[in-house]
Amino acid sequence: MSLLSIASNTSAWRGYEYYKEKKVISWKQTSLSVFEGEVIGSDMPYHVIIDTEHPKKSTCDCPHAEGKRIICKHKVALFFTVFPEEADKYMAEIEEYEREEEKREQEHYEQIVKYVKSLSKEELRVALINALVEAEERSRYR
């Protein structure tokens, strides 16, 4: 279990942004697996400690994580600052996911086009009416 694997997607992404914006203003290694630093937050710098061996023991005094075992964006920013190769790996995984998602969307679009082209004029009318009715019903219940 790594610090990044237990962070929410939002905390991971925002932490990456904080890393890229160089919001970690200082850090030091305090033991083999523990790093301590200051990360600029919305209001003030936050004191962050990350334990790479025991990520849930990591701490941050920001309102989101203080007193909780939550991995906040400040912890992620410090993690990426200490281990920039992990930031590169994270971004490569995001980019690969986006490429795969774009490919899936394109394949889905092509399947829809193929299906629509296979319909007769009457089948197309019925399918369109059904789709419009379903869309209207969904919008009513939102």
N, C-alpha and C. Protein backbone atom coordinates (compact mmCIF):
# COMPACT_ATOMS: atom_id res chain seq x y z
N MET A 1 0.86 -1.18 0.00
CA MET A 1 0.00 0.00 0.00
C MET A 1 0.90 1.24 0.00
N SER A 2 0.69 2.08 -1.01
CA SER A 2 1.46 3.32 -1.07
C SER A 2 0.57 4.50 -0.73
N LEU A 3 1.19 5.60 -0.41
CA LEU A 3 0.47 6.82 -0.08
C LEU A 3 -0.47 7.19 -1.23
N LEU A 4 0.01 7.10 -2.43
CA LEU A 4 -0.78 7.49 -3.60
C LEU A 4 -1.96 6.54 -3.81
N SER A 5 -1.78 5.27 -3.53
CA SER A 5 -2.87 4.30 -3.77
C SER A 5 -4.04 4.48 -2.82
N ILE A 6 -3.84 5.15 -1.68
CA ILE A 6 -4.96 5.35 -0.75
C ILE A 6 -5.49 6.78 -0.79
N ALA A 7 -4.91 7.59 -1.65
CA ALA A 7 -5.42 8.96 -1.84
C ALA A 7 -6.62 8.92 -2.78
N SER A 8 -7.57 9.83 -2.57
CA SER A 8 -8.69 9.94 -3.51
C SER A 8 -8.15 10.47 -4.83
N ASN A 9 -8.90 10.27 -5.89
CA ASN A 9 -8.49 10.80 -7.20
C ASN A 9 -8.32 12.31 -7.14
N THR A 10 -9.22 12.98 -6.43
CA THR A 10 -9.16 14.44 -6.31
C THR A 10 -7.90 14.87 -5.58
N SER A 11 -7.60 14.22 -4.45
CA SER A 11 -6.40 14.58 -3.70
C SER A 11 -5.14 14.30 -4.51
N ALA A 12 -5.13 13.19 -5.24
CA ALA A 12 -3.97 12.86 -6.06
C ALA A 12 -3.76 13.92 -7.14
N TRP A 13 -4.83 14.28 -7.84
CA TRP A 13 -4.71 15.27 -8.92
C TRP A 13 -4.33 16.65 -8.39
N ARG A 14 -5.01 17.09 -7.32
CA ARG A 14 -4.69 18.40 -6.74
C ARG A 14 -3.28 18.41 -6.17
N GLY A 15 -2.87 17.30 -5.58
CA GLY A 15 -1.50 17.19 -5.07
C GLY A 15 -0.48 17.29 -6.19
N TYR A 16 -0.80 16.67 -7.32
CA TYR A 16 0.09 16.77 -8.48
C TYR A 16 0.18 18.23 -8.94
N GLU A 17 -0.96 18.92 -8.98
CA GLU A 17 -0.95 20.34 -9.36
C GLU A 17 -0.12 21.16 -8.38
N TYR A 18 -0.25 20.90 -7.08
CA TYR A 18 0.53 21.61 -6.08
C TYR A 18 2.02 21.33 -6.29
N TYR A 19 2.36 20.10 -6.61
CA TYR A 19 3.75 19.72 -6.90
C TYR A 19 4.27 20.52 -8.09
N LYS A 20 3.49 20.54 -9.18
CA LYS A 20 3.92 21.27 -10.39
C LYS A 20 4.03 22.76 -10.13
N GLU A 21 3.18 23.30 -9.25
CA GLU A 21 3.21 24.73 -8.92
C GLU A 21 4.24 25.06 -7.84
N LYS A 22 5.00 24.04 -7.44
CA LYS A 22 6.08 24.18 -6.45
C LYS A 22 5.58 24.78 -5.13
N LYS A 23 4.48 24.24 -4.64
CA LYS A 23 3.91 24.72 -3.39
C LYS A 23 4.56 24.09 -2.16
N VAL A 24 5.42 23.11 -2.37
CA VAL A 24 6.20 22.57 -1.25
C VAL A 24 7.39 23.51 -1.09
N ILE A 25 7.40 24.27 0.02
CA ILE A 25 8.42 25.31 0.17
C ILE A 25 9.66 24.81 0.91
N SER A 26 9.52 23.71 1.65
CA SER A 26 10.69 23.11 2.28
C SER A 26 10.36 21.68 2.68
N TRP A 27 11.38 20.86 2.75
CA TRP A 27 11.19 19.50 3.21
C TRP A 27 12.52 18.91 3.65
N LYS A 28 12.43 17.89 4.50
CA LYS A 28 13.62 17.16 4.93
C LYS A 28 13.23 15.73 5.26
N GLN A 29 14.22 14.86 5.19
CA GLN A 29 14.01 13.46 5.55
C GLN A 29 14.35 13.33 7.03
N THR A 30 13.43 12.80 7.83
CA THR A 30 13.66 12.69 9.26
C THR A 30 14.01 11.26 9.70
N SER A 31 13.71 10.29 8.87
CA SER A 31 14.13 8.90 9.09
C SER A 31 14.07 8.19 7.74
N LEU A 32 14.32 6.91 7.75
CA LEU A 32 14.40 6.17 6.49
C LEU A 32 13.15 6.33 5.62
N SER A 33 11.97 6.31 6.25
CA SER A 33 10.74 6.37 5.45
C SER A 33 9.86 7.57 5.79
N VAL A 34 10.38 8.52 6.58
CA VAL A 34 9.57 9.65 7.01
C VAL A 34 10.16 10.96 6.48
N PHE A 35 9.26 11.78 5.92
CA PHE A 35 9.64 13.07 5.36
C PHE A 35 8.72 14.13 5.93
N GLU A 36 9.28 15.29 6.19
CA GLU A 36 8.53 16.37 6.81
C GLU A 36 8.69 17.61 5.94
N GLY A 37 7.62 18.39 5.80
CA GLY A 37 7.73 19.58 4.97
C GLY A 37 6.64 20.59 5.23
N GLU A 38 6.78 21.72 4.56
CA GLU A 38 5.80 22.80 4.60
C GLU A 38 5.25 22.96 3.19
N VAL A 39 3.92 22.99 3.10
CA VAL A 39 3.26 23.10 1.81
C VAL A 39 2.32 24.29 1.86
N ILE A 40 2.44 25.18 0.88
CA ILE A 40 1.57 26.35 0.83
C ILE A 40 0.16 25.90 0.53
N GLY A 41 -0.76 26.29 1.40
CA GLY A 41 -2.17 25.96 1.22
C GLY A 41 -2.95 27.19 0.80
N SER A 42 -4.25 27.10 0.88
CA SER A 42 -5.12 28.21 0.50
C SER A 42 -4.90 29.42 1.40
N ASP A 43 -4.79 29.17 2.70
CA ASP A 43 -4.68 30.25 3.66
C ASP A 43 -3.27 30.46 4.18
N MET A 44 -2.54 29.37 4.33
CA MET A 44 -1.24 29.44 4.99
C MET A 44 -0.45 28.18 4.69
N PRO A 45 0.82 28.15 5.06
CA PRO A 45 1.57 26.90 4.89
C PRO A 45 1.09 25.85 5.91
N TYR A 46 1.02 24.62 5.46
CA TYR A 46 0.63 23.52 6.33
C TYR A 46 1.84 22.65 6.60
N HIS A 47 1.89 22.14 7.83
CA HIS A 47 2.96 21.24 8.24
C HIS A 47 2.54 19.82 7.88
N VAL A 48 3.37 19.14 7.10
CA VAL A 48 3.03 17.82 6.58
C VAL A 48 4.13 16.83 6.94
N ILE A 49 3.71 15.66 7.36
CA ILE A 49 4.64 14.55 7.58
C ILE A 49 4.10 13.36 6.81
N ILE A 50 4.93 12.78 5.96
CA ILE A 50 4.52 11.56 5.25
C ILE A 50 5.43 10.41 5.67
N ASP A 51 4.82 9.27 5.86
CA ASP A 51 5.53 8.05 6.19
C ASP A 51 5.29 7.09 5.04
N THR A 52 6.31 6.86 4.23
CA THR A 52 6.13 6.04 3.04
C THR A 52 5.99 4.55 3.37
N GLU A 53 6.45 4.15 4.54
CA GLU A 53 6.30 2.76 4.96
C GLU A 53 4.91 2.51 5.56
N HIS A 54 4.40 3.50 6.28
CA HIS A 54 3.09 3.42 6.90
C HIS A 54 2.29 4.67 6.53
N PRO A 55 1.76 4.74 5.29
CA PRO A 55 1.12 5.96 4.80
C PRO A 55 -0.01 6.49 5.67
N LYS A 56 -0.74 5.62 6.34
CA LYS A 56 -1.85 6.09 7.16
C LYS A 56 -1.38 6.81 8.42
N LYS A 57 -0.09 6.71 8.73
CA LYS A 57 0.47 7.45 9.86
C LYS A 57 0.88 8.87 9.44
N SER A 58 0.76 9.17 8.15
CA SER A 58 1.10 10.50 7.65
C SER A 58 0.14 11.52 8.22
N THR A 59 0.64 12.75 8.41
CA THR A 59 -0.20 13.80 9.01
C THR A 59 -0.08 15.11 8.24
N CYS A 60 -1.12 15.92 8.36
CA CYS A 60 -1.13 17.28 7.81
C CYS A 60 -2.06 18.09 8.69
N ASP A 61 -1.70 19.33 8.97
CA ASP A 61 -2.56 20.14 9.84
C ASP A 61 -3.56 21.00 9.06
N CYS A 62 -3.84 20.62 7.81
CA CYS A 62 -4.88 21.32 7.04
C CYS A 62 -6.26 20.90 7.57
N PRO A 63 -7.27 21.72 7.35
CA PRO A 63 -8.61 21.39 7.86
C PRO A 63 -9.17 20.07 7.32
N HIS A 64 -8.80 19.69 6.12
CA HIS A 64 -9.33 18.47 5.50
C HIS A 64 -8.77 17.21 6.17
N ALA A 65 -7.50 17.22 6.57
CA ALA A 65 -6.86 16.00 7.04
C ALA A 65 -6.52 15.99 8.52
N GLU A 66 -6.54 17.12 9.16
CA GLU A 66 -6.10 17.19 10.56
C GLU A 66 -6.88 16.21 11.43
N GLY A 67 -6.13 15.36 12.11
CA GLY A 67 -6.74 14.38 13.01
C GLY A 67 -7.38 13.20 12.32
N LYS A 68 -7.25 13.11 11.00
CA LYS A 68 -7.86 12.01 10.24
C LYS A 68 -6.77 11.26 9.48
N ARG A 69 -7.12 10.07 9.05
CA ARG A 69 -6.17 9.27 8.27
C ARG A 69 -6.42 9.45 6.77
N ILE A 70 -6.71 10.68 6.40
CA ILE A 70 -6.99 11.02 5.01
C ILE A 70 -5.68 11.45 4.34
N ILE A 71 -5.52 11.05 3.09
CA ILE A 71 -4.37 11.51 2.31
C ILE A 71 -4.83 12.75 1.55
N CYS A 72 -4.39 13.91 1.98
CA CYS A 72 -4.80 15.17 1.37
C CYS A 72 -3.82 15.57 0.26
N LYS A 73 -4.18 16.64 -0.44
CA LYS A 73 -3.35 17.12 -1.55
C LYS A 73 -1.98 17.58 -1.08
N HIS A 74 -1.88 18.05 0.16
CA HIS A 74 -0.59 18.52 0.69
C HIS A 74 0.37 17.36 0.89
N LYS A 75 -0.16 16.23 1.36
CA LYS A 75 0.67 15.02 1.53
C LYS A 75 1.14 14.52 0.17
N VAL A 76 0.23 14.53 -0.80
CA VAL A 76 0.59 14.07 -2.14
C VAL A 76 1.63 14.99 -2.76
N ALA A 77 1.48 16.30 -2.58
CA ALA A 77 2.46 17.25 -3.12
C ALA A 77 3.84 17.00 -2.52
N LEU A 78 3.89 16.76 -1.23
CA LEU A 78 5.18 16.46 -0.59
C LEU A 78 5.74 15.15 -1.12
N PHE A 79 4.88 14.14 -1.26
CA PHE A 79 5.31 12.84 -1.79
C PHE A 79 5.93 13.00 -3.18
N PHE A 80 5.26 13.75 -4.07
CA PHE A 80 5.79 13.96 -5.42
C PHE A 80 7.07 14.79 -5.41
N THR A 81 7.19 15.71 -4.49
CA THR A 81 8.41 16.52 -4.40
C THR A 81 9.59 15.66 -3.98
N VAL A 82 9.35 14.77 -3.03
CA VAL A 82 10.41 13.88 -2.55
C VAL A 82 10.74 12.82 -3.60
N PHE A 83 9.71 12.36 -4.31
CA PHE A 83 9.87 11.29 -5.31
C PHE A 83 9.34 11.77 -6.67
N PRO A 84 10.07 12.64 -7.36
CA PRO A 84 9.57 13.18 -8.63
C PRO A 84 9.32 12.11 -9.70
N GLU A 85 10.03 10.99 -9.62
CA GLU A 85 9.79 9.91 -10.58
C GLU A 85 8.38 9.33 -10.40
N GLU A 86 7.85 9.40 -9.18
CA GLU A 86 6.47 8.94 -8.94
C GLU A 86 5.47 9.91 -9.58
N ALA A 87 5.80 11.19 -9.58
CA ALA A 87 4.94 12.18 -10.24
C ALA A 87 4.92 11.92 -11.75
N ASP A 88 6.08 11.62 -12.31
CA ASP A 88 6.15 11.31 -13.74
C ASP A 88 5.35 10.05 -14.07
N LYS A 89 5.48 9.05 -13.21
CA LYS A 89 4.75 7.79 -13.39
C LYS A 89 3.24 8.04 -13.29
N TYR A 90 2.83 8.83 -12.32
CA TYR A 90 1.42 9.16 -12.13
C TYR A 90 0.87 9.85 -13.39
N MET A 91 1.59 10.84 -13.90
CA MET A 91 1.11 11.56 -15.08
C MET A 91 1.08 10.64 -16.30
N ALA A 92 2.05 9.76 -16.43
CA ALA A 92 2.04 8.81 -17.55
C ALA A 92 0.81 7.90 -17.47
N GLU A 93 0.44 7.48 -16.26
CA GLU A 93 -0.75 6.64 -16.10
C GLU A 93 -2.02 7.41 -16.44
N ILE A 94 -2.09 8.68 -16.04
CA ILE A 94 -3.25 9.52 -16.37
C ILE A 94 -3.37 9.67 -17.88
N GLU A 95 -2.27 9.97 -18.53
CA GLU A 95 -2.28 10.16 -19.99
C GLU A 95 -2.66 8.87 -20.71
N GLU A 96 -2.18 7.72 -20.23
CA GLU A 96 -2.53 6.44 -20.84
C GLU A 96 -4.02 6.16 -20.66
N TYR A 97 -4.55 6.43 -19.48
CA TYR A 97 -5.98 6.25 -19.23
C TYR A 97 -6.80 7.13 -20.18
N GLU A 98 -6.39 8.37 -20.35
CA GLU A 98 -7.12 9.29 -21.23
C GLU A 98 -7.09 8.81 -22.68
N ARG A 99 -5.93 8.28 -23.13
CA ARG A 99 -5.85 7.74 -24.49
C ARG A 99 -6.79 6.55 -24.65
N GLU A 100 -6.80 5.66 -23.65
CA GLU A 100 -7.67 4.49 -23.71
C GLU A 100 -9.14 4.90 -23.68
N GLU A 101 -9.46 5.90 -22.85
CA GLU A 101 -10.85 6.38 -22.76
C GLU A 101 -11.29 6.99 -24.09
N GLU A 102 -10.42 7.75 -24.70
CA GLU A 102 -10.73 8.35 -26.00
C GLU A 102 -10.97 7.26 -27.06
N LYS A 103 -10.16 6.22 -27.00
CA LYS A 103 -10.31 5.10 -27.94
C LYS A 103 -11.66 4.39 -27.71
N ARG A 104 -12.01 4.16 -26.43
CA ARG A 104 -13.29 3.52 -26.11
C ARG A 104 -14.46 4.37 -26.60
N GLU A 105 -14.38 5.68 -26.39
CA GLU A 105 -15.44 6.57 -26.85
C GLU A 105 -15.58 6.53 -28.37
N GLN A 106 -14.46 6.51 -29.08
CA GLN A 106 -14.49 6.45 -30.53
C GLN A 106 -15.11 5.14 -31.00
N GLU A 107 -14.74 4.02 -30.36
CA GLU A 107 -15.30 2.72 -30.73
C GLU A 107 -16.80 2.69 -30.46
N HIS A 108 -17.22 3.27 -29.34
CA HIS A 108 -18.65 3.32 -29.01
C HIS A 108 -19.41 4.15 -30.05
N TYR A 109 -18.85 5.27 -30.43
CA TYR A 109 -19.47 6.13 -31.45
C TYR A 109 -19.62 5.36 -32.77
N GLU A 110 -18.57 4.64 -33.14
CA GLU A 110 -18.60 3.87 -34.39
C GLU A 110 -19.67 2.77 -34.34
N GLN A 111 -19.85 2.15 -33.16
CA GLN A 111 -20.88 1.13 -33.00
C GLN A 111 -22.28 1.75 -33.16
N ILE A 112 -22.46 2.93 -32.60
CA ILE A 112 -23.75 3.61 -32.72
C ILE A 112 -24.04 3.96 -34.18
N VAL A 113 -23.04 4.50 -34.88
CA VAL A 113 -23.21 4.84 -36.29
C VAL A 113 -23.57 3.60 -37.09
N LYS A 114 -22.87 2.51 -36.84
CA LYS A 114 -23.14 1.26 -37.56
C LYS A 114 -24.57 0.78 -37.29
N TYR A 115 -25.00 0.85 -36.03
CA TYR A 115 -26.35 0.44 -35.67
C TYR A 115 -27.39 1.31 -36.36
N VAL A 116 -27.21 2.62 -36.30
CA VAL A 116 -28.18 3.55 -36.91
C VAL A 116 -28.26 3.30 -38.42
N LYS A 117 -27.12 3.09 -39.06
CA LYS A 117 -27.12 2.86 -40.50
C LYS A 117 -27.80 1.54 -40.87
N SER A 118 -27.85 0.60 -39.92
CA SER A 118 -28.47 -0.70 -40.20
C SER A 118 -30.00 -0.65 -40.10
N LEU A 119 -30.56 0.42 -39.54
CA LEU A 119 -32.00 0.53 -39.32
C LEU A 119 -32.73 1.00 -40.59
N SER A 120 -33.94 0.49 -40.71
CA SER A 120 -34.81 1.00 -41.78
C SER A 120 -35.32 2.36 -41.33
N LYS A 121 -35.96 3.09 -42.23
CA LYS A 121 -36.51 4.41 -41.90
C LYS A 121 -37.51 4.30 -40.75
N GLU A 122 -38.38 3.30 -40.80
CA GLU A 122 -39.39 3.13 -39.74
C GLU A 122 -38.74 2.75 -38.41
N GLU A 123 -37.77 1.84 -38.44
CA GLU A 123 -37.06 1.45 -37.21
C GLU A 123 -36.33 2.64 -36.60
N LEU A 124 -35.79 3.48 -37.46
CA LEU A 124 -35.08 4.68 -37.00
C LEU A 124 -36.05 5.64 -36.31
N ARG A 125 -37.23 5.81 -36.89
CA ARG A 125 -38.25 6.68 -36.27
C ARG A 125 -38.64 6.17 -34.89
N VAL A 126 -38.90 4.88 -34.79
CA VAL A 126 -39.31 4.27 -33.51
C VAL A 126 -38.18 4.42 -32.47
N ALA A 127 -36.96 4.14 -32.89
CA ALA A 127 -35.82 4.25 -31.97
C ALA A 127 -35.65 5.69 -31.49
N LEU A 128 -35.83 6.66 -32.39
CA LEU A 128 -35.70 8.07 -32.02
C LEU A 128 -36.80 8.48 -31.04
N ILE A 129 -38.01 8.08 -31.31
CA ILE A 129 -39.12 8.40 -30.40
C ILE A 129 -38.86 7.81 -29.02
N ASN A 130 -38.45 6.54 -28.97
CA ASN A 130 -38.17 5.89 -27.69
C ASN A 130 -37.03 6.59 -26.94
N ALA A 131 -36.01 6.98 -27.66
CA ALA A 131 -34.89 7.67 -27.02
C ALA A 131 -35.32 9.02 -26.46
N LEU A 132 -36.14 9.75 -27.19
CA LEU A 132 -36.61 11.05 -26.72
C LEU A 132 -37.51 10.91 -25.49
N VAL A 133 -38.37 9.90 -25.49
CA VAL A 133 -39.25 9.66 -24.34
C VAL A 133 -38.41 9.29 -23.11
N GLU A 134 -37.42 8.42 -23.28
CA GLU A 134 -36.55 8.02 -22.17
C GLU A 134 -35.77 9.21 -21.63
N ALA A 135 -35.26 10.06 -22.51
CA ALA A 135 -34.51 11.24 -22.08
C ALA A 135 -35.40 12.20 -21.29
N GLU A 136 -36.63 12.36 -21.75
CA GLU A 136 -37.59 13.24 -21.06
C GLU A 136 -37.91 12.69 -19.68
N GLU A 137 -38.11 11.38 -19.57
CA GLU A 137 -38.41 10.76 -18.28
C GLU A 137 -37.23 10.90 -17.32
N ARG A 138 -36.02 10.70 -17.80
CA ARG A 138 -34.83 10.85 -16.94
C ARG A 138 -34.69 12.27 -16.44
N SER A 139 -34.97 13.25 -17.29
CA SER A 139 -34.82 14.65 -16.88
C SER A 139 -35.86 15.05 -15.84
N ARG A 140 -37.01 14.39 -15.85
CA ARG A 140 -38.05 14.68 -14.86
C ARG A 140 -37.64 14.24 -13.46
N TYR A 141 -36.86 13.19 -13.36
CA TYR A 141 -36.52 12.61 -12.06
C TYR A 141 -35.18 13.11 -11.52
N ARG A 142 -34.65 14.12 -12.10
CA ARG A 142 -33.36 14.67 -11.62
C ARG A 142 -33.58 15.85 -10.75
